[in-house]
Amino acid sequence: MTTFLHEAGIDVEPLHIAVWGIPTAIAAFIIHSWRLRRLDQAIAREMEGAPATDAPAVPATQEGR
């Protein structure tokens, strides 16, 4: 990005680009955390309504033993 800006005639230090990118990184972290929390809540609601099974699930690799 620094090279592209330099070729466009804008002199900027890489540290300045990094510092200005911090708010974007924080916003992305907050939004992603919020979406993951919503996903966890949706999965929990779905699991509450799931029918109970009598037998525990056995991985396919252990069925023959």
C-alpha atoms as a PDB file:
ATOM      1  CA  MET A   1       0.000   0.000   0.000  1.00  0.00           C
ATOM      2  CA  THR A   2       2.882   2.346   0.765  1.00  0.00           C
ATOM      3  CA  THR A   3       4.345   1.761  -2.697  1.00  0.00           C
ATOM      4  CA  PHE A   4       1.002   2.407  -4.381  1.00  0.00           C
ATOM      5  CA  LEU A   5       0.562   5.690  -2.498  1.00  0.00           C
ATOM      6  CA  HIS A   6       4.166   6.667  -3.223  1.00  0.00           C
ATOM      7  CA  GLU A   7       3.619   6.088  -6.956  1.00  0.00           C
ATOM      8  CA  ALA A   8       0.516   8.295  -6.733  1.00  0.00           C
ATOM      9  CA  GLY A   9       2.657  11.091  -5.296  1.00  0.00           C
ATOM     10  CA  ILE A  10       1.562  10.658  -1.674  1.00  0.00           C
ATOM     11  CA  ASP A  11       4.417  10.164   0.773  1.00  0.00           C
ATOM     12  CA  VAL A  12       3.316   8.231   3.824  1.00  0.00           C
ATOM     13  CA  GLU A  13       5.181   6.171   6.398  1.00  0.00           C
ATOM     14  CA  PRO A  14       4.184   2.527   6.931  1.00  0.00           C
ATOM     15  CA  LEU A  15       3.724   3.230  10.655  1.00  0.00           C
ATOM     16  CA  HIS A  16       1.106   5.883   9.884  1.00  0.00           C
ATOM     17  CA  ILE A  17      -0.834   3.400   7.749  1.00  0.00           C
ATOM     18  CA  ALA A  18      -0.718   0.873  10.587  1.00  0.00           C
ATOM     19  CA  VAL A  19      -1.904   3.408  13.166  1.00  0.00           C
ATOM     20  CA  TRP A  20      -4.815   4.499  10.982  1.00  0.00           C
ATOM     21  CA  GLY A  21      -5.760   0.844  10.459  1.00  0.00           C
ATOM     22  CA  ILE A  22      -6.278   0.206  14.191  1.00  0.00           C
ATOM     23  CA  PRO A  23      -9.884   1.568  14.330  1.00  0.00           C
ATOM     24  CA  THR A  24     -10.849  -0.663  11.402  1.00  0.00           C
ATOM     25  CA  ALA A  25      -9.342  -3.707  13.120  1.00  0.00           C
ATOM     26  CA  ILE A  26     -11.188  -2.917  16.360  1.00  0.00           C
ATOM     27  CA  ALA A  27     -14.482  -2.464  14.520  1.00  0.00           C
ATOM     28  CA  ALA A  28     -13.997  -5.752  12.641  1.00  0.00           C
ATOM     29  CA  PHE A  29     -13.255  -7.558  15.920  1.00  0.00           C
ATOM     30  CA  ILE A  30     -16.383  -6.163  17.615  1.00  0.00           C
ATOM     31  CA  ILE A  31     -18.645  -6.994  14.667  1.00  0.00           C
ATOM     32  CA  HIS A  32     -17.224 -10.516  14.314  1.00  0.00           C
ATOM     33  CA  SER A  33     -17.585 -11.162  18.059  1.00  0.00           C
ATOM     34  CA  TRP A  34     -21.192  -9.995  17.973  1.00  0.00           C
ATOM     35  CA  ARG A  35     -21.996 -12.254  15.006  1.00  0.00           C
ATOM     36  CA  LEU A  36     -20.338 -15.277  16.653  1.00  0.00           C
ATOM     37  CA  ARG A  37     -22.364 -14.655  19.826  1.00  0.00           C
ATOM     38  CA  ARG A  38     -25.568 -14.558  17.773  1.00  0.00           C
ATOM     39  CA  LEU A  39     -24.559 -17.821  16.071  1.00  0.00           C
ATOM     40  CA  ASP A  40     -23.874 -19.485  19.437  1.00  0.00           C
ATOM     41  CA  GLN A  41     -27.273 -18.377  20.725  1.00  0.00           C
ATOM     42  CA  ALA A  42     -29.023 -19.696  17.608  1.00  0.00           C
ATOM     43  CA  ILE A  43     -27.258 -23.056  17.936  1.00  0.00           C
ATOM     44  CA  ALA A  44     -28.172 -23.239  21.628  1.00  0.00           C
ATOM     45  CA  ARG A  45     -31.842 -22.536  20.818  1.00  0.00           C
ATOM     46  CA  GLU A  46     -31.775 -25.193  18.106  1.00  0.00           C
ATOM     47  CA  MET A  47     -30.198 -27.748  20.445  1.00  0.00           C
ATOM     48  CA  GLU A  48     -32.863 -27.107  23.116  1.00  0.00           C
ATOM     49  CA  GLY A  49     -35.574 -28.098  20.665  1.00  0.00           C
ATOM     50  CA  ALA A  50     -33.730 -31.116  19.245  1.00  0.00           C
ATOM     51  CA  PRO A  51     -35.262 -34.516  19.974  1.00  0.00           C
ATOM     52  CA  ALA A  52     -33.383 -36.640  22.489  1.00  0.00           C
ATOM     53  CA  THR A  53     -31.795 -39.862  21.244  1.00  0.00           C
ATOM     54  CA  ASP A  54     -31.590 -43.080  23.257  1.00  0.00           C
ATOM     55  CA  ALA A  55     -28.184 -44.184  22.013  1.00  0.00           C
ATOM     56  CA  PRO A  56     -25.093 -41.981  22.151  1.00  0.00           C
ATOM     57  CA  ALA A  57     -23.510 -41.023  18.860  1.00  0.00           C
ATOM     58  CA  VAL A  58     -20.583 -43.271  17.964  1.00  0.00           C
ATOM     59  CA  PRO A  59     -17.958 -42.068  15.499  1.00  0.00           C
ATOM     60  CA  ALA A  60     -17.780 -44.101  12.310  1.00  0.00           C
ATOM     61  CA  THR A  61     -14.211 -45.179  13.066  1.00  0.00           C
ATOM     62  CA  GLN A  62     -15.263 -46.944  16.285  1.00  0.00           C
ATOM     63  CA  GLU A  63     -18.391 -48.763  15.031  1.00  0.00           C
ATOM     64  CA  GLY A  64     -16.548 -51.985  14.158  1.00  0.00           C
ATOM     65  CA  ARG A  65     -14.876 -52.385  17.550  1.00  0.00           C
END
